[in-house]
Amino acid sequence: MGKGRLEAFSDGVIAIIITIMVLELRAPHGTDWAELAGLLPIFLSYVLSFVYLGIYWNNHHHMLHAVRSVTGVVLWANLHLLFWLSLIPFATAWMDENHFSSKPVALYGVVLLMCAVAYSLLAAALVRHEGEGSTLATAFGRSRKGRLSMLGYAAGIGAAFVAPAVSLALYVLVAAAWFVPDRRVERLVG
């Protein structure tokens, strides 16, 4: 089956997720700059989550650009990814509401880890469908950066119970590593 509906649906869901997340940002009640500055941690966590959603949207686009068609298994794998992405606004809000406490920061890491797992499963389903000699299989090869990212999330989850700031730093580092779209796919599909 064609991939157009999958792309359109995924784009729409990610747009809704971003919209839900931005609606969580609340303007301060006062007019002082100090009150606005008090929202800086909430704004920064929004930026981090927005960047993550942008990374997934961008890489998802490039990955689907490299395939000819999709299957039912791919559709379910894509829904699995969208499910975990849809939890980012909740995890972000809980983390903000509780001032970056251990458990909310750990949950944020669990959601990020599960997004990475789901993306890997989607990629594997697409490679299986397209074949080992496909453009996508060649582009993905061994995803060392993907595995290192998952280790970073796992380390962040563990660190959250000792030093939530270390967890957040790990989450930022992983996002920074993925900020540029996956060049392996971009290079092969032009």
Protein backbone atom coordinates (compact mmCIF):
# COMPACT_ATOMS: atom_id res chain seq x y z
CA MET A 1 0.00 0.00 0.00
CA GLY A 2 1.10 3.57 -0.55
CA LYS A 3 2.86 5.54 2.14
CA GLY A 4 1.10 8.89 1.61
CA ARG A 5 -1.66 8.34 4.17
CA LEU A 6 0.85 7.18 6.78
CA GLU A 7 2.93 10.30 6.25
CA ALA A 8 -0.08 12.63 6.37
CA PHE A 9 -1.53 10.97 9.45
CA SER A 10 1.81 11.04 11.28
CA ASP A 11 2.37 14.69 10.39
CA GLY A 12 -1.09 15.55 11.72
CA VAL A 13 -0.62 13.65 14.97
CA ILE A 14 2.77 15.26 15.62
CA ALA A 15 1.26 18.70 14.91
CA ILE A 16 -1.49 17.99 17.44
CA ILE A 17 1.07 16.81 20.01
CA ILE A 18 2.99 20.07 19.62
CA THR A 19 -0.24 22.05 19.92
CA ILE A 20 -1.18 20.24 23.12
CA MET A 21 2.25 20.91 24.53
CA VAL A 22 2.20 24.64 23.78
CA LEU A 23 -1.22 24.94 25.42
CA GLU A 24 0.46 23.86 28.68
CA LEU A 25 2.47 27.09 28.69
CA ARG A 26 0.63 29.56 30.90
CA ALA A 27 1.26 33.30 30.92
CA PRO A 28 2.22 34.77 34.30
CA HIS A 29 -0.48 36.69 36.18
CA GLY A 30 1.72 39.70 36.82
CA THR A 31 3.43 42.14 34.48
CA ASP A 32 6.92 42.07 35.97
CA TRP A 33 9.84 40.61 34.05
CA ALA A 34 10.73 38.66 37.19
CA GLU A 35 7.47 36.73 36.95
CA LEU A 36 8.20 35.91 33.32
CA ALA A 37 11.74 34.86 34.26
CA GLY A 38 10.23 32.45 36.78
CA LEU A 39 8.78 30.53 33.84
CA LEU A 40 12.20 30.02 32.25
CA PRO A 41 12.61 26.39 33.45
CA ILE A 42 9.15 25.52 32.10
CA PHE A 43 9.95 27.22 28.80
CA LEU A 44 13.29 25.40 28.51
CA SER A 45 11.66 22.01 29.09
CA TYR A 46 9.09 22.94 26.41
CA VAL A 47 11.94 23.80 24.05
CA LEU A 48 13.63 20.46 24.75
CA SER A 49 10.41 18.54 24.13
CA PHE A 50 9.67 20.59 21.00
CA VAL A 51 13.16 19.80 19.71
CA TYR A 52 12.62 16.09 20.36
CA LEU A 53 9.32 16.14 18.47
CA GLY A 54 11.02 18.03 15.65
CA ILE A 55 13.82 15.47 15.54
CA TYR A 56 11.35 12.59 15.29
CA TRP A 57 9.23 14.39 12.70
CA ASN A 58 12.29 15.21 10.58
CA ASN A 59 13.86 11.74 10.76
CA HIS A 60 10.46 10.08 10.24
CA HIS A 61 10.04 12.16 7.08
CA HIS A 62 13.48 11.18 5.78
CA MET A 63 12.94 7.53 6.63
CA LEU A 64 9.60 7.37 4.82
CA HIS A 65 11.05 9.23 1.86
CA ALA A 66 13.43 6.28 1.40
CA VAL A 67 10.69 3.64 1.10
CA ARG A 68 8.28 2.81 -1.71
CA SER A 69 5.36 1.41 0.27
CA VAL A 70 4.19 0.28 3.71
CA THR A 71 2.51 -2.80 5.17
CA GLY A 72 0.10 -3.45 8.02
CA VAL A 73 3.04 -4.23 10.31
CA VAL A 74 4.58 -0.86 9.42
CA LEU A 75 1.27 0.89 10.16
CA TRP A 76 1.15 -0.68 13.63
CA ALA A 77 4.82 0.09 14.27
CA ASN A 78 4.13 3.70 13.29
CA LEU A 79 1.14 3.87 15.66
CA HIS A 80 3.39 2.49 18.40
CA LEU A 81 5.81 5.36 17.79
CA LEU A 82 3.01 7.93 17.74
CA PHE A 83 1.67 6.56 21.03
CA TRP A 84 4.96 7.19 22.81
CA LEU A 85 5.41 10.58 21.15
CA SER A 86 1.91 11.52 22.35
CA LEU A 87 3.06 11.04 25.96
CA ILE A 88 5.77 13.71 25.66
CA PRO A 89 3.40 16.59 26.58
CA PHE A 90 2.23 14.73 29.70
CA ALA A 91 5.76 13.87 30.81
CA THR A 92 6.90 17.43 30.13
CA ALA A 93 4.01 18.93 32.10
CA TRP A 94 4.52 16.58 35.06
CA MET A 95 8.23 17.40 35.10
CA ASP A 96 7.49 21.15 35.01
CA GLU A 97 4.72 21.00 37.60
CA ASN A 98 7.02 19.25 40.06
CA HIS A 99 10.09 21.42 39.48
CA PHE A 100 12.19 18.69 37.86
CA SER A 101 11.89 16.23 40.75
CA SER A 102 13.38 12.75 40.48
CA LYS A 103 10.35 10.68 39.47
CA PRO A 104 9.00 13.09 36.83
CA VAL A 105 12.47 13.46 35.30
CA ALA A 106 12.84 9.66 35.30
CA LEU A 107 9.43 9.28 33.64
CA TYR A 108 10.42 11.82 31.01
CA GLY A 109 13.46 9.62 30.30
CA VAL A 110 11.28 6.50 30.11
CA VAL A 111 9.07 8.20 27.52
CA LEU A 112 12.14 9.29 25.52
CA LEU A 113 13.59 5.77 25.73
CA MET A 114 10.33 4.22 24.56
CA CYS A 115 10.13 6.70 21.68
CA ALA A 116 13.61 5.57 20.63
CA VAL A 117 12.66 1.90 20.92
CA ALA A 118 9.48 2.48 18.91
CA TYR A 119 11.38 4.39 16.21
CA SER A 120 13.90 1.53 15.99
CA LEU A 121 11.07 -1.00 15.65
CA LEU A 122 9.48 1.11 12.90
CA ALA A 123 12.80 1.33 11.08
CA ALA A 124 13.31 -2.44 11.41
CA ALA A 125 9.80 -3.10 10.05
CA LEU A 126 10.48 -0.83 7.08
CA VAL A 127 13.83 -2.47 6.38
CA ARG A 128 12.22 -5.93 6.56
CA HIS A 129 9.53 -4.80 4.12
CA GLU A 130 11.89 -3.06 1.70
CA GLY A 131 14.59 -5.74 1.89
CA GLU A 132 18.18 -5.93 3.07
CA GLY A 133 19.48 -4.44 -0.17
CA SER A 134 17.13 -1.45 -0.05
CA THR A 135 18.16 2.19 0.16
CA LEU A 136 16.85 2.33 3.72
CA ALA A 137 18.76 -0.78 4.82
CA THR A 138 21.94 0.62 3.29
CA ALA A 139 21.39 4.01 4.91
CA PHE A 140 20.64 2.63 8.37
CA GLY A 141 23.28 -0.05 8.51
CA ARG A 142 24.19 -0.44 12.15
CA SER A 143 22.67 2.35 14.16
CA ARG A 144 25.38 2.98 16.73
CA LYS A 145 24.03 6.46 17.46
CA GLY A 146 20.59 4.94 18.10
CA ARG A 147 21.96 2.44 20.59
CA LEU A 148 24.09 5.08 22.31
CA SER A 149 21.02 7.29 22.57
CA MET A 150 19.10 4.52 24.29
CA LEU A 151 22.00 4.06 26.71
CA GLY A 152 21.94 7.81 27.36
CA TYR A 153 18.23 7.67 28.17
CA ALA A 154 18.71 4.65 30.44
CA ALA A 155 21.57 6.41 32.24
CA GLY A 156 19.39 9.50 32.57
CA ILE A 157 16.56 7.46 34.08
CA GLY A 158 18.94 6.02 36.67
CA ALA A 159 20.61 9.36 37.37
CA ALA A 160 17.22 11.01 37.95
CA PHE A 161 17.01 9.36 41.36
CA VAL A 162 20.39 10.80 42.37
CA ALA A 163 20.77 14.03 40.40
CA PRO A 164 17.90 15.08 38.11
CA ALA A 165 20.10 17.82 36.60
CA VAL A 166 22.48 15.14 35.29
CA SER A 167 19.52 13.37 33.70
CA LEU A 168 18.40 16.55 31.98
CA ALA A 169 21.95 17.14 30.74
CA LEU A 170 22.00 13.63 29.25
CA TYR A 171 18.64 14.21 27.56
CA VAL A 172 19.95 17.48 26.09
CA LEU A 173 23.13 15.74 24.87
CA VAL A 174 21.14 13.03 23.10
CA ALA A 175 18.90 15.67 21.48
CA ALA A 176 21.99 17.60 20.36
CA ALA A 177 23.38 14.44 18.75
CA TRP A 178 20.19 14.03 16.71
CA PHE A 179 19.50 17.69 15.98
CA VAL A 180 20.88 17.37 12.46
CA PRO A 181 18.71 14.96 10.42
CA ASP A 182 20.04 11.47 9.87
CA ARG A 183 22.54 12.11 7.08
CA ARG A 184 22.76 8.44 6.19
CA VAL A 185 19.24 8.54 4.77
CA GLU A 186 19.53 12.10 3.41
CA ARG A 187 22.70 11.21 1.50
CA LEU A 188 21.18 8.19 -0.25
CA VAL A 189 17.76 9.56 -1.14
CA GLY A 190 18.94 13.06 -2.03
